[in-house]
Amino acid sequence: MPTERRSPVQSGIVGVVLAAGRAQRFGADKRWATCRGEPLLAHALTIARAVCDRVLVVVDAPDARLDALLGRLPAEVVVCPEAGEGLAASRRCALARLERDRTVEGALIFLGDMPDVRSVDALRLIRAMRVAGRPVRPVHDDRPGHPVACPAAWISHLAARGFPAREGKSLRCVHPGVVTDVDRPGDLHIHD
């Protein structure tokens, strides 16, 4: 199982792991490709669980492998029938679940194919979001990345239009894990 130093769980913050993509460049369902001895998806779930009060995972359809993984890394499953429309559809599907939930202070949106996000960076994003009161995204070498931290007041905006470039904030991160994803099978060896 992926390991990460125990981080303080942030009350009121929901981790949203987007894992409903078609993985066409990968050539197979990359969620189940092995990365450091675990399914690729396990890494995003591990960090989300380490820092978030509650975790949602967005998928395109039920899957027995996901059920088995969630036995170890519990999360609420959100099935998104429109997942074939792209990442924005998955994001809308998940955030619609949170829009009217008054217990949600904010969301931290992860991509299921980014195994190197560190909990320290996730916590920095949550803190920056709380101070700014608006969405915050990590940036490494001038490249925007994930996870994106979004306060509850901005969830509807993020669901409908994505990250607000003008009003949102960027947080510089020195670790490349916030921009490094797995698109092709050869990318997996970079993360070993």
C-alpha atoms as a PDB file:
ATOM      1  CA  MET A   1       0.000   0.000   0.000  1.00  0.00           C
ATOM      2  CA  PRO A   2       1.292   3.528  -0.704  1.00  0.00           C
ATOM      3  CA  THR A   3       2.755   5.108   2.380  1.00  0.00           C
ATOM      4  CA  GLU A   4       2.612   8.700   3.498  1.00  0.00           C
ATOM      5  CA  ARG A   5       3.382  10.183   6.873  1.00  0.00           C
ATOM      6  CA  ARG A   6       0.190  10.630   8.855  1.00  0.00           C
ATOM      7  CA  SER A   7      -1.177  14.098   8.172  1.00  0.00           C
ATOM      8  CA  PRO A   8      -3.800  15.957  10.134  1.00  0.00           C
ATOM      9  CA  VAL A   9      -7.190  15.254   8.542  1.00  0.00           C
ATOM     10  CA  GLN A  10      -8.836  18.532   7.594  1.00  0.00           C
ATOM     11  CA  SER A  11     -12.363  18.771   8.955  1.00  0.00           C
ATOM     12  CA  GLY A  12     -14.977  19.812   6.404  1.00  0.00           C
ATOM     13  CA  ILE A  13     -12.723  19.156   3.399  1.00  0.00           C
ATOM     14  CA  VAL A  14     -13.870  16.556   0.864  1.00  0.00           C
ATOM     15  CA  GLY A  15     -11.279  14.889  -1.317  1.00  0.00           C
ATOM     16  CA  VAL A  16     -12.577  14.320  -4.839  1.00  0.00           C
ATOM     17  CA  VAL A  17     -10.587  11.800  -6.880  1.00  0.00           C
ATOM     18  CA  LEU A  18     -11.431  11.981 -10.582  1.00  0.00           C
ATOM     19  CA  ALA A  19     -10.909   8.486 -12.017  1.00  0.00           C
ATOM     20  CA  ALA A  20     -13.484   8.114 -14.780  1.00  0.00           C
ATOM     21  CA  GLY A  21     -11.310   8.808 -17.829  1.00  0.00           C
ATOM     22  CA  ARG A  22     -11.001   6.512 -20.821  1.00  0.00           C
ATOM     23  CA  ALA A  23      -7.159   6.386 -20.704  1.00  0.00           C
ATOM     24  CA  GLN A  24      -6.924   6.236 -24.495  1.00  0.00           C
ATOM     25  CA  ARG A  25      -3.236   7.247 -24.626  1.00  0.00           C
ATOM     26  CA  PHE A  26      -2.440   4.567 -22.057  1.00  0.00           C
ATOM     27  CA  GLY A  27      -4.138   1.847 -24.097  1.00  0.00           C
ATOM     28  CA  ALA A  28      -5.769   0.133 -21.101  1.00  0.00           C
ATOM     29  CA  ASP A  29      -7.518   1.020 -17.857  1.00  0.00           C
ATOM     30  CA  LYS A  30      -4.566   2.708 -16.167  1.00  0.00           C
ATOM     31  CA  ARG A  31      -6.286   2.900 -12.779  1.00  0.00           C
ATOM     32  CA  TRP A  32      -5.247  -0.736 -12.295  1.00  0.00           C
ATOM     33  CA  ALA A  33      -1.706  -0.475 -13.689  1.00  0.00           C
ATOM     34  CA  THR A  34       0.895  -1.267 -11.031  1.00  0.00           C
ATOM     35  CA  CYS A  35       2.817   1.694  -9.627  1.00  0.00           C
ATOM     36  CA  ARG A  36       5.161   1.035  -6.685  1.00  0.00           C
ATOM     37  CA  GLY A  37       3.381  -2.260  -6.000  1.00  0.00           C
ATOM     38  CA  GLU A  38      -0.154  -0.843  -5.933  1.00  0.00           C
ATOM     39  CA  PRO A  39      -2.838   0.087  -8.450  1.00  0.00           C
ATOM     40  CA  LEU A  40      -2.200   3.608  -9.748  1.00  0.00           C
ATOM     41  CA  LEU A  41      -5.517   4.813  -8.321  1.00  0.00           C
ATOM     42  CA  ALA A  42      -4.493   3.728  -4.802  1.00  0.00           C
ATOM     43  CA  HIS A  43      -1.923   6.529  -4.599  1.00  0.00           C
ATOM     44  CA  ALA A  44      -4.421   9.378  -5.110  1.00  0.00           C
ATOM     45  CA  LEU A  45      -6.895   7.738  -2.728  1.00  0.00           C
ATOM     46  CA  THR A  46      -4.192   7.355  -0.074  1.00  0.00           C
ATOM     47  CA  ILE A  47      -3.271  11.048  -0.097  1.00  0.00           C
ATOM     48  CA  ALA A  48      -6.913  12.164  -0.250  1.00  0.00           C
ATOM     49  CA  ARG A  49      -7.705   9.970   2.764  1.00  0.00           C
ATOM     50  CA  ALA A  50      -4.648  11.240   4.632  1.00  0.00           C
ATOM     51  CA  VAL A  51      -5.721  14.891   4.494  1.00  0.00           C
ATOM     52  CA  CYS A  52      -9.490  14.982   3.863  1.00  0.00           C
ATOM     53  CA  ASP A  53     -12.412  14.416   6.181  1.00  0.00           C
ATOM     54  CA  ARG A  54     -14.335  12.551   3.476  1.00  0.00           C
ATOM     55  CA  VAL A  55     -13.379  11.174   0.043  1.00  0.00           C
ATOM     56  CA  LEU A  56     -15.367  10.724  -3.178  1.00  0.00           C
ATOM     57  CA  VAL A  57     -14.063   8.780  -6.166  1.00  0.00           C
ATOM     58  CA  VAL A  58     -15.637   9.443  -9.558  1.00  0.00           C
ATOM     59  CA  VAL A  59     -15.812   6.518 -11.994  1.00  0.00           C
ATOM     60  CA  ASP A  60     -17.621   5.814 -15.254  1.00  0.00           C
ATOM     61  CA  ALA A  61     -19.165   2.510 -14.129  1.00  0.00           C
ATOM     62  CA  PRO A  62     -19.197   0.107 -11.151  1.00  0.00           C
ATOM     63  CA  ASP A  63     -16.127  -2.148 -10.985  1.00  0.00           C
ATOM     64  CA  ALA A  64     -15.363  -5.130  -8.729  1.00  0.00           C
ATOM     65  CA  ARG A  65     -11.677  -4.093  -8.605  1.00  0.00           C
ATOM     66  CA  LEU A  66     -12.713  -0.705  -7.252  1.00  0.00           C
ATOM     67  CA  ASP A  67     -14.899  -2.373  -4.617  1.00  0.00           C
ATOM     68  CA  ALA A  68     -11.884  -4.404  -3.473  1.00  0.00           C
ATOM     69  CA  LEU A  69      -9.636  -1.323  -3.371  1.00  0.00           C
ATOM     70  CA  LEU A  70     -12.212   0.663  -1.398  1.00  0.00           C
ATOM     71  CA  GLY A  71     -12.252  -2.132   1.162  1.00  0.00           C
ATOM     72  CA  ARG A  72      -8.774  -0.877   2.124  1.00  0.00           C
ATOM     73  CA  LEU A  73      -9.113   2.785   1.163  1.00  0.00           C
ATOM     74  CA  PRO A  74     -12.751   3.725   1.810  1.00  0.00           C
ATOM     75  CA  ALA A  75     -14.369   6.375  -0.368  1.00  0.00           C
ATOM     76  CA  GLU A  76     -17.860   7.152  -1.621  1.00  0.00           C
ATOM     77  CA  VAL A  77     -18.316   6.093  -5.236  1.00  0.00           C
ATOM     78  CA  VAL A  78     -19.856   8.588  -7.657  1.00  0.00           C
ATOM     79  CA  VAL A  79     -20.771   6.971 -10.969  1.00  0.00           C
ATOM     80  CA  CYS A  80     -20.691   9.528 -13.774  1.00  0.00           C
ATOM     81  CA  PRO A  81     -22.549   8.298 -16.878  1.00  0.00           C
ATOM     82  CA  GLU A  82     -21.300  11.368 -18.805  1.00  0.00           C
ATOM     83  CA  ALA A  83     -17.626  10.570 -18.102  1.00  0.00           C
ATOM     84  CA  GLY A  84     -16.984   9.987 -21.808  1.00  0.00           C
ATOM     85  CA  GLU A  85     -17.454  13.735 -22.321  1.00  0.00           C
ATOM     86  CA  GLY A  86     -14.169  14.398 -20.516  1.00  0.00           C
ATOM     87  CA  LEU A  87     -12.681  15.601 -17.249  1.00  0.00           C
ATOM     88  CA  ALA A  88     -15.097  18.529 -16.927  1.00  0.00           C
ATOM     89  CA  ALA A  89     -18.075  16.143 -16.896  1.00  0.00           C
ATOM     90  CA  SER A  90     -16.508  14.085 -14.104  1.00  0.00           C
ATOM     91  CA  ARG A  91     -15.732  17.222 -12.116  1.00  0.00           C
ATOM     92  CA  ARG A  92     -19.331  18.489 -12.523  1.00  0.00           C
ATOM     93  CA  CYS A  93     -20.733  15.131 -11.475  1.00  0.00           C
ATOM     94  CA  ALA A  94     -18.709  15.041  -8.249  1.00  0.00           C
ATOM     95  CA  LEU A  95     -19.172  18.671  -7.304  1.00  0.00           C
ATOM     96  CA  ALA A  96     -22.937  18.482  -7.874  1.00  0.00           C
ATOM     97  CA  ARG A  97     -22.939  15.994  -4.987  1.00  0.00           C
ATOM     98  CA  LEU A  98     -21.349  18.647  -2.733  1.00  0.00           C
ATOM     99  CA  GLU A  99     -23.080  21.875  -3.810  1.00  0.00           C
ATOM    100  CA  ARG A 100     -25.908  21.791  -1.253  1.00  0.00           C
ATOM    101  CA  ASP A 101     -24.096  19.993   1.549  1.00  0.00           C
ATOM    102  CA  ARG A 102     -23.733  22.548   4.344  1.00  0.00           C
ATOM    103  CA  THR A 103     -21.145  20.417   6.162  1.00  0.00           C
ATOM    104  CA  VAL A 104     -18.656  20.916   3.316  1.00  0.00           C
ATOM    105  CA  GLU A 105     -16.122  23.689   3.876  1.00  0.00           C
ATOM    106  CA  GLY A 106     -14.279  22.926   0.669  1.00  0.00           C
ATOM    107  CA  ALA A 107     -13.126  20.315  -1.822  1.00  0.00           C
ATOM    108  CA  LEU A 108      -9.663  19.140  -2.810  1.00  0.00           C
ATOM    109  CA  ILE A 109      -9.810  17.794  -6.357  1.00  0.00           C
ATOM    110  CA  PHE A 110      -7.276  15.113  -7.265  1.00  0.00           C
ATOM    111  CA  LEU A 111      -6.632  13.299 -10.527  1.00  0.00           C
ATOM    112  CA  GLY A 112      -6.503   9.519 -10.190  1.00  0.00           C
ATOM    113  CA  ASP A 113      -3.403   9.252 -12.391  1.00  0.00           C
ATOM    114  CA  MET A 114      -1.084  11.449 -10.314  1.00  0.00           C
ATOM    115  CA  PRO A 115       0.764   9.130  -7.908  1.00  0.00           C
ATOM    116  CA  ASP A 116       3.361  11.603  -6.615  1.00  0.00           C
ATOM    117  CA  VAL A 117       1.232  14.268  -4.936  1.00  0.00           C
ATOM    118  CA  ARG A 118       2.505  14.749  -1.388  1.00  0.00           C
ATOM    119  CA  SER A 119       0.307  15.332   1.637  1.00  0.00           C
ATOM    120  CA  VAL A 120       2.426  18.341   2.622  1.00  0.00           C
ATOM    121  CA  ASP A 121       1.479  20.051  -0.654  1.00  0.00           C
ATOM    122  CA  ALA A 122      -2.180  19.085  -0.288  1.00  0.00           C
ATOM    123  CA  LEU A 123      -2.236  20.607   3.205  1.00  0.00           C
ATOM    124  CA  ARG A 124      -0.556  23.805   1.952  1.00  0.00           C
ATOM    125  CA  LEU A 125      -3.278  24.114  -0.713  1.00  0.00           C
ATOM    126  CA  ILE A 126      -6.032  23.715   1.881  1.00  0.00           C
ATOM    127  CA  ARG A 127      -4.435  26.340   4.129  1.00  0.00           C
ATOM    128  CA  ALA A 128      -4.005  28.767   1.205  1.00  0.00           C
ATOM    129  CA  MET A 129      -7.652  28.224   0.182  1.00  0.00           C
ATOM    130  CA  ARG A 130      -8.851  28.949   3.707  1.00  0.00           C
ATOM    131  CA  VAL A 131      -6.823  32.167   3.884  1.00  0.00           C
ATOM    132  CA  ALA A 132      -7.742  33.383   0.368  1.00  0.00           C
ATOM    133  CA  GLY A 133     -11.386  32.287   0.442  1.00  0.00           C
ATOM    134  CA  ARG A 134     -11.121  31.305  -3.216  1.00  0.00           C
ATOM    135  CA  PRO A 135      -9.858  28.390  -5.332  1.00  0.00           C
ATOM    136  CA  VAL A 136      -6.144  27.634  -5.224  1.00  0.00           C
ATOM    137  CA  ARG A 137      -4.163  25.461  -7.601  1.00  0.00           C
ATOM    138  CA  PRO A 138      -0.575  24.293  -7.362  1.00  0.00           C
ATOM    139  CA  VAL A 139       1.994  25.469  -9.879  1.00  0.00           C
ATOM    140  CA  HIS A 140       5.375  23.871 -10.547  1.00  0.00           C
ATOM    141  CA  ASP A 141       7.769  25.429 -13.083  1.00  0.00           C
ATOM    142  CA  ASP A 142       4.921  27.657 -14.331  1.00  0.00           C
ATOM    143  CA  ARG A 143       2.733  24.604 -15.035  1.00  0.00           C
ATOM    144  CA  PRO A 144      -0.659  24.444 -13.271  1.00  0.00           C
ATOM    145  CA  GLY A 145      -1.401  21.148 -11.569  1.00  0.00           C
ATOM    146  CA  HIS A 146      -3.537  19.258  -9.055  1.00  0.00           C
ATOM    147  CA  PRO A 147      -5.020  18.906  -6.548  1.00  0.00           C
ATOM    148  CA  VAL A 148      -7.108  22.070  -6.757  1.00  0.00           C
ATOM    149  CA  ALA A 149      -8.497  23.384  -3.468  1.00  0.00           C
ATOM    150  CA  CYS A 150     -11.942  24.963  -3.723  1.00  0.00           C
ATOM    151  CA  PRO A 151     -13.934  26.595  -0.910  1.00  0.00           C
ATOM    152  CA  ALA A 152     -17.626  25.728  -0.652  1.00  0.00           C
ATOM    153  CA  ALA A 153     -18.702  29.156  -1.944  1.00  0.00           C
ATOM    154  CA  TRP A 154     -16.893  28.460  -5.240  1.00  0.00           C
ATOM    155  CA  ILE A 155     -17.988  24.845  -5.811  1.00  0.00           C
ATOM    156  CA  SER A 156     -20.817  25.788  -8.214  1.00  0.00           C
ATOM    157  CA  HIS A 157     -18.460  27.985 -10.246  1.00  0.00           C
ATOM    158  CA  LEU A 158     -15.782  25.305 -10.432  1.00  0.00           C
ATOM    159  CA  ALA A 159     -18.382  22.702 -11.412  1.00  0.00           C
ATOM    160  CA  ALA A 160     -19.736  24.828 -14.249  1.00  0.00           C
ATOM    161  CA  ARG A 161     -16.651  26.604 -15.546  1.00  0.00           C
ATOM    162  CA  GLY A 162     -13.510  25.091 -14.086  1.00  0.00           C
ATOM    163  CA  PHE A 163     -10.724  26.923 -12.297  1.00  0.00           C
ATOM    164  CA  PRO A 164     -11.293  30.713 -12.283  1.00  0.00           C
ATOM    165  CA  ALA A 165      -7.970  31.940 -13.691  1.00  0.00           C
ATOM    166  CA  ARG A 166      -8.653  35.588 -12.872  1.00  0.00           C
ATOM    167  CA  GLU A 167     -10.048  35.188  -9.355  1.00  0.00           C
ATOM    168  CA  GLY A 168      -8.217  32.028  -8.326  1.00  0.00           C
ATOM    169  CA  LYS A 169      -4.811  31.870  -6.737  1.00  0.00           C
ATOM    170  CA  SER A 170      -1.720  29.876  -7.588  1.00  0.00           C
ATOM    171  CA  LEU A 171       0.543  28.274  -5.026  1.00  0.00           C
ATOM    172  CA  ARG A 172       4.127  27.576  -6.063  1.00  0.00           C
ATOM    173  CA  CYS A 173       5.238  24.024  -5.269  1.00  0.00           C
ATOM    174  CA  VAL A 174       8.841  22.851  -5.512  1.00  0.00           C
ATOM    175  CA  HIS A 175       7.946  19.172  -5.813  1.00  0.00           C
ATOM    176  CA  PRO A 176       6.939  18.087  -9.359  1.00  0.00           C
ATOM    177  CA  GLY A 177       4.329  15.624  -8.050  1.00  0.00           C
ATOM    178  CA  VAL A 178       1.617  18.265  -8.501  1.00  0.00           C
ATOM    179  CA  VAL A 179       2.122  18.251 -12.295  1.00  0.00           C
ATOM    180  CA  THR A 180       3.359  14.702 -12.958  1.00  0.00           C
ATOM    181  CA  ASP A 181       0.749  12.275 -14.247  1.00  0.00           C
ATOM    182  CA  VAL A 182       0.707   8.923 -15.990  1.00  0.00           C
ATOM    183  CA  ASP A 183      -0.459   9.114 -19.610  1.00  0.00           C
ATOM    184  CA  ARG A 184       1.388   6.178 -21.177  1.00  0.00           C
ATOM    185  CA  PRO A 185       2.681   2.847 -19.827  1.00  0.00           C
ATOM    186  CA  GLY A 186       6.260   4.159 -20.039  1.00  0.00           C
ATOM    187  CA  ASP A 187       5.391   6.902 -17.535  1.00  0.00           C
ATOM    188  CA  LEU A 188       4.985   4.298 -14.789  1.00  0.00           C
ATOM    189  CA  HIS A 189       8.742   3.637 -14.531  1.00  0.00           C
ATOM    190  CA  ILE A 190       9.290   7.328 -13.675  1.00  0.00           C
ATOM    191  CA  HIS A 191       7.301   6.824 -10.484  1.00  0.00           C
ATOM    192  CA  ASP A 192       9.040   3.661  -9.247  1.00  0.00           C
END
